[in-house]
Amino acid sequence: MEDNSAEAKEESLRQQALLRVSEARHEVTEEKVAEQRHIIEENAAEAMEESLRQQALLRAFEARNEVTEEKAAAQAEEAAATHSENLLESEVQRLQLQIQSHIHPASLQPHARGGMLSEAWTGQLIDETTTQTPNVPPSLPCLAVFSENGIHFTAMQLTREGALGREMVIKPGSHAFVKLHNEKFIRVALKSASFGAACGHPQLARETPVLYAGEMDFDENGILLRWSNVSGTYRFADKFAFQTGLRLDIFWALQSSDEPMSSINEEHSLTTPDGLILYRVLATTDEEYADVQETWAAALLAFRTENEVAGAAFENLQGMMRQRCEAIVKYGYLMKLQDYT
């Protein structure tokens, strides 16, 4: 009986010990869970704080961007307005100069318009804007000639790889030339000849389409004396001569088959060794034209000064034309000036 009682007591103590161990473990687990929960809450709070900070930065960036865009738009608008005012002022001044001189400006500037390429031999035209292929290098080395005023030219070697090389001297005489699209220079043959007899056009562009072709006649100082549209490889209508960018006042045109000799001034024409007839398009240079213009303007000024009626009429005409010029430029109209000579 005592043995049973001792065993029961021992079992009771063992159960109590196990209960205390279980409770201790449970307390540890709860503490661990609470600690993990606290860590999770802290991480969530930090994430929320970082999200709010990022949102604030984004709003600040957007605000600055809006200010920058508004400022850029205002600056662009101001620049456009300034450009428009400058354009208007320069246009009015240009037209006033024409009014004062009563003749057109001396400088003959080409009218800006799209270019047309011509194929070799066939003469078939190709719109420059539709040409996607790059320019080909010459089949033989040639010159790449440059000029800032259309009169004095400098030259660099253009290799068969299409690269610009060392500076070169332009030999005096007439040289075959071609003008290619997207090139800031003119390709000129190394060899010179008499005017109207230059050759070498096929090698300058490997017979690919070009903007224009002809001859350029230089003196020993690289001064362009005259140029022509003589080329056996390429054929261009007269209206495409502007595509060279060369001066019209020293252009010698090839007489076309439908152009009568009676329309050509014999004093300003020549016959090439091959029997071709070239004639100078303008009898005077830009400089000669400018001299006559200045003489006429001075004489007209003297007349207006001495004649009160003429002076008053001219002042009224200037005021009327100034108003018209401003309206023409502002509203996009074109005007043909009256020649009062």
Protein backbone atom coordinates (compact mmCIF):
# COMPACT_ATOMS: atom_id res chain seq x y z
CA MET A 1 0.00 0.00 0.00
CA GLU A 2 2.82 2.35 0.85
CA ASP A 3 4.57 1.41 -2.37
CA ASN A 4 1.53 2.46 -4.40
CA SER A 5 1.31 5.73 -2.54
CA ALA A 6 4.96 6.46 -3.23
CA GLU A 7 4.58 5.70 -6.91
CA ALA A 8 1.51 7.92 -7.13
CA LYS A 9 3.37 10.73 -5.45
CA GLU A 10 6.35 10.30 -7.75
CA GLU A 11 4.10 10.32 -10.80
CA SER A 12 2.40 13.44 -9.57
CA LEU A 13 5.74 15.17 -9.16
CA ARG A 14 6.81 14.06 -12.63
CA GLN A 15 3.61 15.40 -14.17
CA GLN A 16 4.05 18.68 -12.36
CA ALA A 17 7.62 18.92 -13.69
CA LEU A 18 6.47 18.21 -17.22
CA LEU A 19 3.75 20.85 -16.86
CA ARG A 20 6.28 23.43 -15.70
CA VAL A 21 8.57 22.56 -18.64
CA SER A 22 5.65 22.89 -21.06
CA GLU A 23 4.63 26.20 -19.58
CA ALA A 24 8.20 27.45 -19.80
CA ARG A 25 8.44 26.38 -23.43
CA HIS A 26 5.10 28.04 -24.19
CA GLU A 27 6.28 31.26 -22.58
CA VAL A 28 9.45 31.18 -24.69
CA THR A 29 7.42 30.55 -27.87
CA GLU A 30 5.07 33.42 -27.10
CA GLU A 31 8.01 35.72 -26.43
CA LYS A 32 9.59 34.65 -29.71
CA VAL A 33 6.34 35.17 -31.60
CA ALA A 34 5.90 38.55 -29.99
CA GLU A 35 9.48 39.46 -30.88
CA GLN A 36 9.00 38.37 -34.49
CA ARG A 37 5.73 40.25 -34.65
CA HIS A 38 7.51 43.35 -33.36
CA ILE A 39 10.25 42.98 -35.98
CA ILE A 40 7.66 42.58 -38.73
CA GLU A 41 5.80 45.67 -37.52
CA GLU A 42 9.03 47.66 -37.43
CA ASN A 43 9.93 46.53 -40.97
CA ALA A 44 6.45 47.45 -42.19
CA ALA A 45 6.72 50.87 -40.59
CA GLU A 46 10.14 51.43 -42.19
CA ALA A 47 8.79 50.30 -45.59
CA MET A 48 5.85 52.65 -45.23
CA GLU A 49 8.16 55.50 -44.26
CA GLU A 50 10.42 54.78 -47.26
CA SER A 51 7.39 54.64 -49.56
CA LEU A 52 6.17 57.99 -48.27
CA ARG A 53 9.67 59.44 -48.72
CA GLN A 54 9.85 58.15 -52.31
CA GLN A 55 6.41 59.58 -53.05
CA ALA A 56 7.47 62.95 -51.66
CA LEU A 57 10.63 62.89 -53.78
CA LEU A 58 8.58 61.99 -56.85
CA ARG A 59 6.16 64.85 -56.24
CA ALA A 60 9.07 67.25 -55.76
CA PHE A 61 10.70 66.01 -59.00
CA GLU A 62 7.46 66.36 -60.92
CA ALA A 63 6.99 69.86 -59.55
CA ARG A 64 10.53 70.82 -60.57
CA ASN A 65 10.02 69.20 -63.97
CA GLU A 66 6.82 71.15 -64.50
CA VAL A 67 8.63 74.36 -63.62
CA THR A 68 11.50 73.43 -65.97
CA GLU A 69 9.13 72.60 -68.82
CA GLU A 70 7.22 75.83 -68.28
CA LYS A 71 10.49 77.76 -68.21
CA ALA A 72 11.75 75.99 -71.34
CA ALA A 73 8.47 76.67 -73.13
CA ALA A 74 8.62 80.32 -72.12
CA GLN A 75 12.22 80.59 -73.31
CA ALA A 76 11.35 78.90 -76.61
CA GLU A 77 8.42 81.23 -77.09
CA GLU A 78 10.60 84.24 -76.31
CA ALA A 79 13.30 83.03 -78.73
CA ALA A 80 10.72 82.47 -81.46
CA ALA A 81 9.32 85.94 -80.92
CA THR A 82 12.82 87.46 -81.05
CA HIS A 83 13.64 85.51 -84.21
CA SER A 84 10.39 86.66 -85.80
CA GLU A 85 11.13 90.27 -84.90
CA ASN A 86 14.67 90.03 -86.28
CA LEU A 87 13.39 88.39 -89.45
CA LEU A 88 10.79 91.10 -89.88
CA GLU A 89 13.34 93.84 -89.28
CA SER A 90 15.87 92.37 -91.72
CA GLU A 91 13.20 91.81 -94.36
CA VAL A 92 11.91 95.37 -94.02
CA GLN A 93 15.46 96.73 -94.25
CA ARG A 94 16.11 94.65 -97.34
CA LEU A 95 12.97 95.87 -99.05
CA GLN A 96 13.67 99.46 -98.03
CA LEU A 97 17.08 99.18 -99.65
CA GLN A 98 15.38 98.04 -102.85
CA ILE A 99 12.98 100.98 -102.62
CA GLN A 100 15.80 103.46 -102.14
CA SER A 101 17.79 102.15 -105.08
CA HIS A 102 14.71 101.40 -107.22
CA ILE A 103 16.43 98.33 -108.62
CA HIS A 104 16.93 94.76 -107.47
CA PRO A 105 19.90 93.83 -105.25
CA ALA A 106 23.19 93.22 -107.00
CA SER A 107 23.83 89.78 -105.48
CA LEU A 108 22.15 86.98 -107.42
CA GLN A 109 21.17 84.37 -104.86
CA PRO A 110 19.79 80.99 -105.99
CA HIS A 111 16.18 80.32 -105.09
CA ALA A 112 16.05 77.58 -102.45
CA ARG A 113 14.20 74.51 -103.67
CA GLY A 114 14.57 70.75 -103.76
CA GLY A 115 17.36 69.25 -105.81
CA MET A 116 17.17 66.77 -108.68
CA LEU A 117 19.86 64.23 -109.50
CA SER A 118 20.63 63.20 -113.07
CA GLU A 119 21.73 59.72 -114.09
CA ALA A 120 24.78 59.33 -116.31
CA TRP A 121 24.17 59.04 -120.06
CA THR A 122 20.35 58.68 -119.83
CA GLY A 123 19.71 62.03 -118.17
CA GLN A 124 16.86 60.54 -116.15
CA LEU A 125 16.06 62.69 -113.11
CA ILE A 126 15.82 61.44 -109.52
CA ASP A 127 14.38 63.43 -106.61
CA GLU A 128 17.22 64.16 -104.20
CA THR A 129 14.95 63.67 -101.17
CA THR A 130 14.27 60.05 -102.17
CA THR A 131 17.96 59.14 -102.51
CA GLN A 132 19.05 56.94 -99.62
CA THR A 133 22.34 55.52 -100.92
CA PRO A 134 25.58 57.20 -99.78
CA ASN A 135 27.83 58.93 -102.28
CA VAL A 136 30.41 56.70 -103.94
CA PRO A 137 34.13 57.52 -103.91
CA PRO A 138 35.80 58.52 -107.17
CA SER A 139 37.39 55.79 -109.29
CA LEU A 140 40.56 57.91 -109.46
CA PRO A 141 41.91 60.46 -106.97
CA CYS A 142 40.54 63.95 -107.59
CA LEU A 143 40.17 67.32 -105.88
CA ALA A 144 37.56 68.42 -103.37
CA VAL A 145 37.31 72.19 -103.78
CA PHE A 146 35.86 74.58 -101.21
CA SER A 147 34.97 78.28 -101.26
CA GLU A 148 33.36 80.78 -98.90
CA ASN A 149 32.73 83.51 -101.47
CA GLY A 150 32.30 81.58 -104.73
CA ILE A 151 35.42 83.17 -106.21
CA HIS A 152 38.54 81.94 -104.42
CA PHE A 153 38.78 78.16 -104.02
CA THR A 154 41.02 75.89 -102.00
CA ALA A 155 41.46 72.17 -102.60
CA MET A 156 42.11 68.91 -100.79
CA GLN A 157 42.82 65.51 -102.23
CA LEU A 158 39.83 63.14 -102.42
CA THR A 159 41.11 59.56 -102.43
CA ARG A 160 39.67 56.49 -104.12
CA GLU A 161 38.38 55.46 -100.68
CA GLY A 162 36.37 58.70 -100.47
CA ALA A 163 38.56 60.22 -97.72
CA LEU A 164 39.86 63.78 -97.70
CA GLY A 165 43.65 63.93 -97.76
CA ARG A 166 46.31 66.61 -97.96
CA GLU A 167 45.90 70.12 -99.32
CA MET A 168 46.38 70.43 -103.05
CA VAL A 169 47.10 73.18 -105.58
CA ILE A 170 44.48 73.71 -108.30
CA LYS A 171 46.20 73.75 -111.67
CA PRO A 172 45.26 76.72 -113.86
CA GLY A 173 42.87 75.84 -116.66
CA SER A 174 39.52 74.16 -117.07
CA HIS A 175 38.62 71.09 -114.99
CA ALA A 176 35.72 68.67 -115.18
CA PHE A 177 33.53 68.85 -112.07
CA VAL A 178 30.52 67.13 -110.52
CA LYS A 179 28.40 68.18 -107.56
CA LEU A 180 27.01 65.36 -105.39
CA HIS A 181 24.21 65.61 -102.87
CA ASN A 182 25.15 65.88 -99.18
CA GLU A 183 28.71 66.95 -100.01
CA LYS A 184 29.89 70.40 -98.94
CA PHE A 185 32.51 70.48 -101.68
CA ILE A 186 32.66 70.06 -105.45
CA ARG A 187 34.62 67.19 -107.01
CA VAL A 188 37.09 68.46 -109.59
CA ALA A 189 39.39 66.49 -111.89
CA LEU A 190 43.14 66.81 -111.36
CA LYS A 191 43.89 67.31 -115.04
CA SER A 192 43.26 70.71 -116.64
CA ALA A 193 42.45 71.56 -120.25
CA SER A 194 41.26 74.45 -122.37
CA PHE A 195 37.79 75.81 -121.57
CA GLY A 196 35.17 73.58 -123.15
CA ALA A 197 37.49 70.58 -123.57
CA ALA A 198 37.88 69.21 -120.03
CA CYS A 199 37.16 65.51 -119.48
CA GLY A 200 36.93 62.98 -116.67
CA HIS A 201 33.31 63.20 -115.50
CA PRO A 202 32.72 59.40 -115.41
CA GLN A 203 35.64 58.85 -112.98
CA LEU A 204 34.59 61.61 -110.56
CA ALA A 205 31.44 59.81 -109.37
CA ARG A 206 31.69 56.37 -111.03
CA GLU A 207 28.77 57.37 -113.32
CA THR A 208 26.33 57.55 -110.40
CA PRO A 209 23.62 60.26 -110.29
CA VAL A 210 24.84 63.78 -109.48
CA LEU A 211 23.29 67.19 -108.86
CA TYR A 212 25.21 68.89 -111.66
CA ALA A 213 28.27 68.54 -113.87
CA GLY A 214 30.36 70.75 -116.11
CA GLU A 215 33.67 72.61 -116.16
CA MET A 216 35.35 75.05 -113.79
CA ASP A 217 38.06 77.34 -115.18
CA PHE A 218 40.65 78.55 -112.60
CA ASP A 219 43.60 80.90 -112.73
CA GLU A 220 46.96 80.23 -111.06
CA ASN A 221 45.67 81.59 -107.71
CA GLY A 222 42.64 79.35 -107.43
CA ILE A 223 40.27 82.11 -108.59
CA LEU A 224 37.24 80.80 -110.47
CA LEU A 225 37.12 82.71 -113.74
CA ARG A 226 34.11 80.98 -115.30
CA TRP A 227 32.25 77.70 -115.32
CA SER A 228 30.00 75.84 -117.75
CA ASN A 229 27.60 72.92 -118.06
CA VAL A 230 29.70 71.07 -120.67
CA SER A 231 29.70 67.33 -119.92
CA GLY A 232 29.39 64.36 -122.20
CA THR A 233 28.36 62.08 -119.34
CA TYR A 234 25.61 64.14 -117.71
CA ARG A 235 22.86 66.30 -119.20
CA PHE A 236 20.92 68.91 -117.23
CA ALA A 237 18.18 71.37 -118.10
CA ASP A 238 19.13 75.02 -117.63
CA LYS A 239 16.88 75.37 -114.58
CA PHE A 240 19.11 73.06 -112.51
CA ALA A 241 22.28 75.16 -112.76
CA PHE A 242 21.57 76.65 -109.31
CA GLN A 243 22.33 73.23 -107.76
CA THR A 244 26.06 73.88 -108.12
CA GLY A 245 25.92 76.84 -105.73
CA LEU A 246 28.28 78.68 -108.11
CA ARG A 247 27.87 82.29 -109.18
CA LEU A 248 25.52 82.89 -112.07
CA ASP A 249 27.36 85.99 -113.31
CA ILE A 250 30.36 83.89 -114.47
CA PHE A 251 28.31 81.02 -115.91
CA TRP A 252 28.81 80.08 -119.57
CA ALA A 253 25.95 77.98 -120.87
CA LEU A 254 26.04 75.43 -123.65
CA GLN A 255 23.83 76.48 -126.54
CA SER A 256 20.90 74.11 -126.81
CA SER A 257 19.67 72.76 -130.15
CA ASP A 258 16.41 74.73 -129.93
CA GLU A 259 18.13 78.03 -129.09
CA PRO A 260 18.67 80.29 -132.14
CA MET A 261 22.05 81.94 -132.64
CA SER A 262 20.31 85.29 -133.03
CA SER A 263 19.56 85.24 -129.29
CA ILE A 264 23.26 84.93 -128.39
CA ASN A 265 25.59 87.91 -128.12
CA GLU A 266 28.61 87.01 -130.24
CA GLU A 267 30.87 89.21 -128.11
CA HIS A 268 30.16 86.93 -125.15
CA SER A 269 30.29 83.55 -126.88
CA LEU A 270 32.97 81.08 -127.95
CA THR A 271 33.27 77.84 -129.90
CA THR A 272 35.04 74.88 -128.27
CA PRO A 273 37.50 72.59 -130.12
CA ASP A 274 34.63 70.13 -130.51
CA GLY A 275 32.44 72.75 -132.17
CA LEU A 276 30.21 73.42 -129.15
CA ILE A 277 28.98 76.97 -128.65
CA LEU A 278 29.18 78.48 -125.19
CA TYR A 279 27.81 81.88 -124.26
CA ARG A 280 28.05 84.01 -121.16
CA VAL A 281 24.64 84.22 -119.51
CA LEU A 282 25.21 87.70 -118.02
CA ALA A 283 27.29 90.39 -119.66
CA THR A 284 28.34 91.89 -116.32
CA THR A 285 29.58 90.55 -113.00
CA ASP A 286 27.92 91.11 -109.64
CA GLU A 287 30.59 93.67 -108.79
CA GLU A 288 29.98 95.65 -111.99
CA TYR A 289 26.25 95.53 -111.34
CA ALA A 290 26.80 96.81 -107.79
CA ASP A 291 28.90 99.72 -109.05
CA VAL A 292 26.15 100.81 -111.43
CA GLN A 293 23.59 100.43 -108.67
CA GLU A 294 25.57 102.69 -106.34
CA THR A 295 26.00 105.29 -109.08
CA TRP A 296 22.27 105.26 -109.77
CA ALA A 297 21.39 105.48 -106.07
CA ALA A 298 23.71 108.49 -105.63
CA ALA A 299 22.22 110.27 -108.65
CA LEU A 300 18.70 109.57 -107.42
CA LEU A 301 19.56 110.90 -103.96
CA ALA A 302 20.94 114.11 -105.46
CA PHE A 303 17.78 114.53 -107.53
CA ARG A 304 15.50 114.01 -104.50
CA THR A 305 17.53 116.51 -102.50
CA GLU A 306 17.31 119.20 -105.18
CA ASN A 307 13.69 118.58 -106.18
CA GLU A 308 11.21 119.17 -103.31
CA VAL A 309 8.31 117.44 -105.06
CA ALA A 310 10.39 114.37 -105.80
CA GLY A 311 11.75 114.34 -102.25
CA ALA A 312 8.29 114.56 -100.67
CA ALA A 313 6.91 111.87 -102.98
CA PHE A 314 9.80 109.59 -102.13
CA GLU A 315 9.29 110.06 -98.38
CA ASN A 316 5.58 109.23 -98.78
CA LEU A 317 6.47 106.19 -100.87
CA GLN A 318 8.90 104.97 -98.20
CA GLY A 319 6.24 105.21 -95.51
CA MET A 320 3.70 103.37 -97.63
CA MET A 321 6.15 100.66 -98.58
CA ARG A 322 7.34 100.22 -94.98
CA GLN A 323 3.78 99.61 -93.87
CA ARG A 324 3.19 97.22 -96.74
CA CYS A 325 6.46 95.37 -96.11
CA GLU A 326 5.55 94.77 -92.47
CA ALA A 327 2.10 93.49 -93.43
CA ILE A 328 3.52 91.30 -96.22
CA VAL A 329 6.01 89.61 -93.91
CA LYS A 330 3.60 89.30 -90.97
CA TYR A 331 0.74 87.78 -92.93
CA GLY A 332 2.79 85.64 -95.30
CA TYR A 333 2.01 87.38 -98.60
CA LEU A 334 4.48 87.67 -101.47
CA MET A 335 5.16 90.84 -103.40
CA LYS A 336 6.72 91.70 -106.75
CA LEU A 337 8.57 94.99 -106.56
CA GLN A 338 7.78 97.68 -109.12
CA ASP A 339 10.71 98.94 -111.19
CA TYR A 340 10.42 102.72 -111.20
CA THR A 341 13.31 103.38 -113.58
